[in-house]
Amino acid sequence: MAKNTPHQSTGVLSSNPFIEKLTRTHIAIPLIIFNLLSGVLAGYGISEGLITGALTTILVIAGILTFTLIEYIMHRFFFHFDPSTPRQEKLAYNVHGVHHEYPKDRDRLAMPIPASLTLSLLFYLFFKFIMGNLVYGFLPGFLIGYTLYLGIHYMVHAFKAPKNFFKILWIHHGIHHYKDDKNAFGVSSPLWDWVFNTLPKK
């Protein structure tokens, strides 16, 4: 792991320029890719008569809600696991620690595209196995949930909090980063923090 100077606003994960470039993602790229992919999947399902338009709407909502749960679980138990070996410490830093050290680094607010596309394929195969053709409505919702998460996460780190109801998202995630990283794991919403009693203490 390359060392960073105090003046850097970003972390360096690899001394190899090509690999280092792969660890960075402009936020617009995944937003475009996964919204288009969602539309293609849902359009295919409806046009081929695999699912109806009304059922698609229900499945999309279910997919979005499911993603918020997966987001919470991943953030709490994978991104913030307690490493016990040097190798695990390096993994923890590369996966999420670098984001906590440099929270304003806009190029590391989204997962690298090769990794996110691979995970999307695995989720497609898993959901197709357990729900058949319903995947063409559910997975688009799941991917929309991912893009909503990306958009919210980017705005929270890149822009000042708005003076309206949505300010709660800035406050909630700010507490996680700067005051209490053992709570407030939800980014899209505090819903699952409320369900699983990980809301930050007042």
C-alpha atoms as a PDB file:
ATOM      1  CA  MET A   1       0.000   0.000   0.000  1.00  0.00           C
ATOM      2  CA  ALA A   2       1.480   3.309  -1.043  1.00  0.00           C
ATOM      3  CA  LYS A   3       1.834   6.007   1.591  1.00  0.00           C
ATOM      4  CA  ASN A   4      -0.050   9.275   1.304  1.00  0.00           C
ATOM      5  CA  THR A   5       1.195  12.730   2.159  1.00  0.00           C
ATOM      6  CA  PRO A   6      -0.849  14.957   4.513  1.00  0.00           C
ATOM      7  CA  HIS A   7      -1.645  17.263   1.590  1.00  0.00           C
ATOM      8  CA  GLN A   8      -3.298  14.606  -0.549  1.00  0.00           C
ATOM      9  CA  SER A   9      -7.085  14.674  -0.710  1.00  0.00           C
ATOM     10  CA  THR A  10      -7.162  11.103  -1.961  1.00  0.00           C
ATOM     11  CA  GLY A  11      -5.668   7.757  -1.027  1.00  0.00           C
ATOM     12  CA  VAL A  12      -3.403   5.677  -3.244  1.00  0.00           C
ATOM     13  CA  LEU A  13      -4.248   1.978  -3.260  1.00  0.00           C
ATOM     14  CA  SER A  14      -1.678   0.757  -5.771  1.00  0.00           C
ATOM     15  CA  SER A  15       1.692   1.895  -7.085  1.00  0.00           C
ATOM     16  CA  ASN A  16       0.687   0.443 -10.465  1.00  0.00           C
ATOM     17  CA  PRO A  17      -0.901   3.334 -12.441  1.00  0.00           C
ATOM     18  CA  PHE A  18      -3.243   1.029 -14.368  1.00  0.00           C
ATOM     19  CA  ILE A  19      -4.554  -0.747 -11.269  1.00  0.00           C
ATOM     20  CA  GLU A  20      -4.831   2.561  -9.436  1.00  0.00           C
ATOM     21  CA  LYS A  21      -6.926   3.914 -12.328  1.00  0.00           C
ATOM     22  CA  LEU A  22      -9.250   0.907 -12.088  1.00  0.00           C
ATOM     23  CA  THR A  23      -9.970   1.729  -8.433  1.00  0.00           C
ATOM     24  CA  ARG A  24     -11.489   5.068  -9.442  1.00  0.00           C
ATOM     25  CA  THR A  25     -14.947   5.600 -10.897  1.00  0.00           C
ATOM     26  CA  HIS A  26     -16.660   8.763 -12.103  1.00  0.00           C
ATOM     27  CA  ILE A  27     -20.129   8.753 -10.565  1.00  0.00           C
ATOM     28  CA  ALA A  28     -21.890   9.343 -13.898  1.00  0.00           C
ATOM     29  CA  ILE A  29     -20.679   6.051 -15.374  1.00  0.00           C
ATOM     30  CA  PRO A  30     -22.455   3.606 -13.006  1.00  0.00           C
ATOM     31  CA  LEU A  31     -25.562   5.814 -12.895  1.00  0.00           C
ATOM     32  CA  ILE A  32     -25.862   5.623 -16.690  1.00  0.00           C
ATOM     33  CA  ILE A  33     -24.960   1.936 -16.984  1.00  0.00           C
ATOM     34  CA  PHE A  34     -27.267   0.598 -14.291  1.00  0.00           C
ATOM     35  CA  ASN A  35     -30.251   2.789 -15.119  1.00  0.00           C
ATOM     36  CA  LEU A  36     -29.970   1.690 -18.768  1.00  0.00           C
ATOM     37  CA  LEU A  37     -29.580  -1.932 -17.706  1.00  0.00           C
ATOM     38  CA  SER A  38     -32.666  -1.649 -15.503  1.00  0.00           C
ATOM     39  CA  GLY A  39     -34.699  -0.288 -18.413  1.00  0.00           C
ATOM     40  CA  VAL A  40     -33.472  -2.994 -20.786  1.00  0.00           C
ATOM     41  CA  LEU A  41     -34.281  -5.813 -18.357  1.00  0.00           C
ATOM     42  CA  ALA A  42     -37.753  -4.515 -17.506  1.00  0.00           C
ATOM     43  CA  GLY A  43     -38.495  -3.734 -21.159  1.00  0.00           C
ATOM     44  CA  TYR A  44     -37.436  -7.229 -22.178  1.00  0.00           C
ATOM     45  CA  GLY A  45     -39.587  -8.844 -19.523  1.00  0.00           C
ATOM     46  CA  ILE A  46     -42.685  -6.873 -20.509  1.00  0.00           C
ATOM     47  CA  SER A  47     -42.196  -7.082 -24.302  1.00  0.00           C
ATOM     48  CA  GLU A  48     -41.661 -10.845 -24.161  1.00  0.00           C
ATOM     49  CA  GLY A  49     -44.742 -11.344 -21.985  1.00  0.00           C
ATOM     50  CA  LEU A  50     -42.704 -12.675 -19.078  1.00  0.00           C
ATOM     51  CA  ILE A  51     -44.214 -10.176 -16.637  1.00  0.00           C
ATOM     52  CA  THR A  52     -47.001  -7.595 -16.806  1.00  0.00           C
ATOM     53  CA  GLY A  53     -46.581  -3.847 -16.431  1.00  0.00           C
ATOM     54  CA  ALA A  54     -48.500  -3.791 -13.141  1.00  0.00           C
ATOM     55  CA  LEU A  55     -46.454  -6.654 -11.712  1.00  0.00           C
ATOM     56  CA  THR A  56     -43.273  -4.927 -12.835  1.00  0.00           C
ATOM     57  CA  THR A  57     -44.173  -1.871 -10.758  1.00  0.00           C
ATOM     58  CA  ILE A  58     -44.649  -4.004  -7.638  1.00  0.00           C
ATOM     59  CA  LEU A  59     -41.434  -5.930  -8.273  1.00  0.00           C
ATOM     60  CA  VAL A  60     -39.428  -2.744  -8.841  1.00  0.00           C
ATOM     61  CA  ILE A  61     -40.571  -1.361  -5.480  1.00  0.00           C
ATOM     62  CA  ALA A  62     -39.719  -4.683  -3.814  1.00  0.00           C
ATOM     63  CA  GLY A  63     -36.309  -4.665  -5.486  1.00  0.00           C
ATOM     64  CA  ILE A  64     -35.524  -1.144  -4.296  1.00  0.00           C
ATOM     65  CA  LEU A  65     -36.499  -2.009  -0.719  1.00  0.00           C
ATOM     66  CA  THR A  66     -34.455  -5.204  -0.830  1.00  0.00           C
ATOM     67  CA  PHE A  67     -31.416  -3.285  -2.024  1.00  0.00           C
ATOM     68  CA  THR A  68     -31.623  -0.915   0.947  1.00  0.00           C
ATOM     69  CA  LEU A  69     -31.461  -3.967   3.230  1.00  0.00           C
ATOM     70  CA  ILE A  70     -28.483  -5.452   1.358  1.00  0.00           C
ATOM     71  CA  GLU A  71     -26.801  -2.030   1.455  1.00  0.00           C
ATOM     72  CA  TYR A  72     -27.210  -1.923   5.238  1.00  0.00           C
ATOM     73  CA  ILE A  73     -25.973  -5.497   5.759  1.00  0.00           C
ATOM     74  CA  MET A  74     -22.923  -5.011   3.513  1.00  0.00           C
ATOM     75  CA  HIS A  75     -22.008  -1.696   5.129  1.00  0.00           C
ATOM     76  CA  ARG A  76     -22.378  -2.975   8.669  1.00  0.00           C
ATOM     77  CA  PHE A  77     -20.919  -6.470   8.462  1.00  0.00           C
ATOM     78  CA  PHE A  78     -18.530  -6.443   5.475  1.00  0.00           C
ATOM     79  CA  PHE A  79     -17.289  -2.879   5.089  1.00  0.00           C
ATOM     80  CA  HIS A  80     -16.841  -2.545   8.860  1.00  0.00           C
ATOM     81  CA  PHE A  81     -15.624  -6.004   9.792  1.00  0.00           C
ATOM     82  CA  ASP A  82     -12.861  -6.143  12.418  1.00  0.00           C
ATOM     83  CA  PRO A  83      -9.614  -7.334  10.776  1.00  0.00           C
ATOM     84  CA  SER A  84      -7.373  -9.664  12.774  1.00  0.00           C
ATOM     85  CA  THR A  85      -4.421 -10.096  10.379  1.00  0.00           C
ATOM     86  CA  PRO A  86      -2.316  -7.697   8.289  1.00  0.00           C
ATOM     87  CA  ARG A  87      -3.884  -9.100   5.113  1.00  0.00           C
ATOM     88  CA  GLN A  88      -7.375  -8.478   6.488  1.00  0.00           C
ATOM     89  CA  GLU A  89      -6.343  -4.963   7.520  1.00  0.00           C
ATOM     90  CA  LYS A  90      -5.226  -4.228   3.971  1.00  0.00           C
ATOM     91  CA  LEU A  91      -8.490  -5.658   2.591  1.00  0.00           C
ATOM     92  CA  ALA A  92     -10.537  -3.576   5.034  1.00  0.00           C
ATOM     93  CA  TYR A  93      -8.651  -0.436   4.068  1.00  0.00           C
ATOM     94  CA  ASN A  94      -8.918  -1.042   0.324  1.00  0.00           C
ATOM     95  CA  VAL A  95     -12.608  -1.908   0.472  1.00  0.00           C
ATOM     96  CA  HIS A  96     -13.821   0.872   2.766  1.00  0.00           C
ATOM     97  CA  GLY A  97     -11.142   2.297   5.023  1.00  0.00           C
ATOM     98  CA  VAL A  98      -9.785   4.543   2.287  1.00  0.00           C
ATOM     99  CA  HIS A  99     -13.247   6.092   1.971  1.00  0.00           C
ATOM    100  CA  HIS A 100     -13.337   6.910   5.684  1.00  0.00           C
ATOM    101  CA  GLU A 101      -9.847   8.376   5.518  1.00  0.00           C
ATOM    102  CA  TYR A 102     -10.649  10.472   2.441  1.00  0.00           C
ATOM    103  CA  PRO A 103     -14.457  10.946   2.485  1.00  0.00           C
ATOM    104  CA  LYS A 104     -14.338  13.854   0.019  1.00  0.00           C
ATOM    105  CA  ASP A 105     -12.600  11.830  -2.702  1.00  0.00           C
ATOM    106  CA  ARG A 106     -15.313  11.887  -5.385  1.00  0.00           C
ATOM    107  CA  ASP A 107     -13.642   9.194  -7.502  1.00  0.00           C
ATOM    108  CA  ARG A 108     -14.068   6.588  -4.790  1.00  0.00           C
ATOM    109  CA  LEU A 109     -17.752   7.038  -3.990  1.00  0.00           C
ATOM    110  CA  ALA A 110     -18.772   4.187  -6.315  1.00  0.00           C
ATOM    111  CA  MET A 111     -17.586   0.643  -6.747  1.00  0.00           C
ATOM    112  CA  PRO A 112     -15.318   0.062  -9.777  1.00  0.00           C
ATOM    113  CA  ILE A 113     -17.394  -0.890 -12.835  1.00  0.00           C
ATOM    114  CA  PRO A 114     -15.853  -4.366 -13.401  1.00  0.00           C
ATOM    115  CA  ALA A 115     -16.684  -5.322  -9.810  1.00  0.00           C
ATOM    116  CA  SER A 116     -20.221  -3.889  -9.860  1.00  0.00           C
ATOM    117  CA  LEU A 117     -21.052  -5.551 -13.203  1.00  0.00           C
ATOM    118  CA  THR A 118     -19.758  -8.891 -11.916  1.00  0.00           C
ATOM    119  CA  LEU A 119     -21.897  -8.585  -8.790  1.00  0.00           C
ATOM    120  CA  SER A 120     -24.907  -7.646 -10.925  1.00  0.00           C
ATOM    121  CA  LEU A 121     -24.470 -10.809 -12.975  1.00  0.00           C
ATOM    122  CA  LEU A 122     -24.253 -12.904  -9.812  1.00  0.00           C
ATOM    123  CA  PHE A 123     -27.390 -11.270  -8.417  1.00  0.00           C
ATOM    124  CA  TYR A 124     -29.160 -11.916 -11.744  1.00  0.00           C
ATOM    125  CA  LEU A 125     -28.271 -15.623 -11.627  1.00  0.00           C
ATOM    126  CA  PHE A 126     -29.297 -15.877  -7.973  1.00  0.00           C
ATOM    127  CA  PHE A 127     -32.618 -14.065  -8.384  1.00  0.00           C
ATOM    128  CA  LYS A 128     -33.362 -15.942 -11.630  1.00  0.00           C
ATOM    129  CA  PHE A 129     -32.825 -19.222  -9.776  1.00  0.00           C
ATOM    130  CA  ILE A 130     -35.156 -18.381  -6.884  1.00  0.00           C
ATOM    131  CA  MET A 131     -37.871 -16.375  -8.695  1.00  0.00           C
ATOM    132  CA  GLY A 132     -37.724 -17.264 -12.380  1.00  0.00           C
ATOM    133  CA  ASN A 133     -39.012 -14.626 -14.793  1.00  0.00           C
ATOM    134  CA  LEU A 134     -39.919 -12.294 -11.944  1.00  0.00           C
ATOM    135  CA  VAL A 135     -36.242 -11.343 -12.033  1.00  0.00           C
ATOM    136  CA  TYR A 136     -37.018  -9.045 -14.995  1.00  0.00           C
ATOM    137  CA  GLY A 137     -38.964  -6.771 -12.660  1.00  0.00           C
ATOM    138  CA  PHE A 138     -37.182  -7.388  -9.385  1.00  0.00           C
ATOM    139  CA  LEU A 139     -33.582  -6.942 -10.571  1.00  0.00           C
ATOM    140  CA  PRO A 140     -34.324  -3.597 -12.286  1.00  0.00           C
ATOM    141  CA  GLY A 141     -35.692  -2.350  -8.967  1.00  0.00           C
ATOM    142  CA  PHE A 142     -32.648  -3.715  -7.160  1.00  0.00           C
ATOM    143  CA  LEU A 143     -30.341  -1.905  -9.593  1.00  0.00           C
ATOM    144  CA  ILE A 144     -32.385   1.294  -9.319  1.00  0.00           C
ATOM    145  CA  GLY A 145     -31.915   0.989  -5.565  1.00  0.00           C
ATOM    146  CA  TYR A 146     -28.177   0.828  -6.207  1.00  0.00           C
ATOM    147  CA  THR A 147     -28.218   3.962  -8.364  1.00  0.00           C
ATOM    148  CA  LEU A 148     -30.312   5.796  -5.757  1.00  0.00           C
ATOM    149  CA  TYR A 149     -27.752   4.805  -3.142  1.00  0.00           C
ATOM    150  CA  LEU A 150     -24.903   6.009  -5.379  1.00  0.00           C
ATOM    151  CA  GLY A 151     -26.622   9.317  -6.062  1.00  0.00           C
ATOM    152  CA  ILE A 152     -27.426   9.965  -2.412  1.00  0.00           C
ATOM    153  CA  HIS A 153     -23.968   8.936  -1.248  1.00  0.00           C
ATOM    154  CA  TYR A 154     -22.329  11.190  -3.825  1.00  0.00           C
ATOM    155  CA  MET A 155     -24.492  14.197  -2.963  1.00  0.00           C
ATOM    156  CA  VAL A 156     -23.952  13.750   0.771  1.00  0.00           C
ATOM    157  CA  HIS A 157     -20.180  13.850   0.307  1.00  0.00           C
ATOM    158  CA  ALA A 158     -19.931  16.332  -2.553  1.00  0.00           C
ATOM    159  CA  PHE A 159     -22.534  18.996  -1.714  1.00  0.00           C
ATOM    160  CA  LYS A 160     -23.751  20.975   1.258  1.00  0.00           C
ATOM    161  CA  ALA A 161     -26.839  19.747   3.057  1.00  0.00           C
ATOM    162  CA  PRO A 162     -30.113  21.179   1.734  1.00  0.00           C
ATOM    163  CA  LYS A 163     -32.414  23.186   3.963  1.00  0.00           C
ATOM    164  CA  ASN A 164     -35.290  20.728   3.759  1.00  0.00           C
ATOM    165  CA  PHE A 165     -36.396  17.272   4.898  1.00  0.00           C
ATOM    166  CA  PHE A 166     -33.550  15.522   3.047  1.00  0.00           C
ATOM    167  CA  LYS A 167     -31.006  17.162   5.342  1.00  0.00           C
ATOM    168  CA  ILE A 168     -31.537  14.166   7.631  1.00  0.00           C
ATOM    169  CA  LEU A 169     -29.533  12.018   5.177  1.00  0.00           C
ATOM    170  CA  TRP A 170     -26.549  14.386   5.387  1.00  0.00           C
ATOM    171  CA  ILE A 171     -26.721  14.426   9.186  1.00  0.00           C
ATOM    172  CA  HIS A 172     -27.154  10.642   9.471  1.00  0.00           C
ATOM    173  CA  HIS A 173     -24.203   9.787   7.244  1.00  0.00           C
ATOM    174  CA  GLY A 174     -22.090  12.593   8.673  1.00  0.00           C
ATOM    175  CA  ILE A 175     -22.498  11.124  12.157  1.00  0.00           C
ATOM    176  CA  HIS A 176     -21.316   7.752  10.810  1.00  0.00           C
ATOM    177  CA  HIS A 177     -18.194   9.313   9.268  1.00  0.00           C
ATOM    178  CA  TYR A 178     -17.167  11.854  11.854  1.00  0.00           C
ATOM    179  CA  LYS A 179     -18.643  10.835  15.214  1.00  0.00           C
ATOM    180  CA  ASP A 180     -19.852   7.239  15.442  1.00  0.00           C
ATOM    181  CA  ASP A 181     -18.793   4.670  12.835  1.00  0.00           C
ATOM    182  CA  LYS A 182     -20.326   1.865  14.902  1.00  0.00           C
ATOM    183  CA  ASN A 183     -23.828   3.092  14.074  1.00  0.00           C
ATOM    184  CA  ALA A 184     -25.767   4.830  11.270  1.00  0.00           C
ATOM    185  CA  PHE A 185     -24.962   2.312   8.523  1.00  0.00           C
ATOM    186  CA  GLY A 186     -27.876   3.211   6.266  1.00  0.00           C
ATOM    187  CA  VAL A 187     -27.036   5.632   3.467  1.00  0.00           C
ATOM    188  CA  SER A 188     -30.181   5.546   1.339  1.00  0.00           C
ATOM    189  CA  SER A 189     -32.289   5.932   4.466  1.00  0.00           C
ATOM    190  CA  PRO A 190     -32.120   5.359   8.245  1.00  0.00           C
ATOM    191  CA  LEU A 191     -34.870   2.692   7.950  1.00  0.00           C
ATOM    192  CA  TRP A 192     -32.781  -0.381   8.739  1.00  0.00           C
ATOM    193  CA  ASP A 193     -30.827   1.434  11.440  1.00  0.00           C
ATOM    194  CA  TRP A 194     -34.178   1.961  13.123  1.00  0.00           C
ATOM    195  CA  VAL A 195     -35.208  -1.698  12.586  1.00  0.00           C
ATOM    196  CA  PHE A 196     -31.912  -3.118  13.892  1.00  0.00           C
ATOM    197  CA  ASN A 197     -31.315  -0.531  16.622  1.00  0.00           C
ATOM    198  CA  THR A 198     -28.187   1.058  15.175  1.00  0.00           C
ATOM    199  CA  LEU A 199     -29.447   4.602  15.093  1.00  0.00           C
ATOM    200  CA  PRO A 200     -26.814   6.972  16.503  1.00  0.00           C
ATOM    201  CA  LYS A 201     -27.321   7.972  20.082  1.00  0.00           C
ATOM    202  CA  LYS A 202     -28.768  11.443  20.505  1.00  0.00           C
END
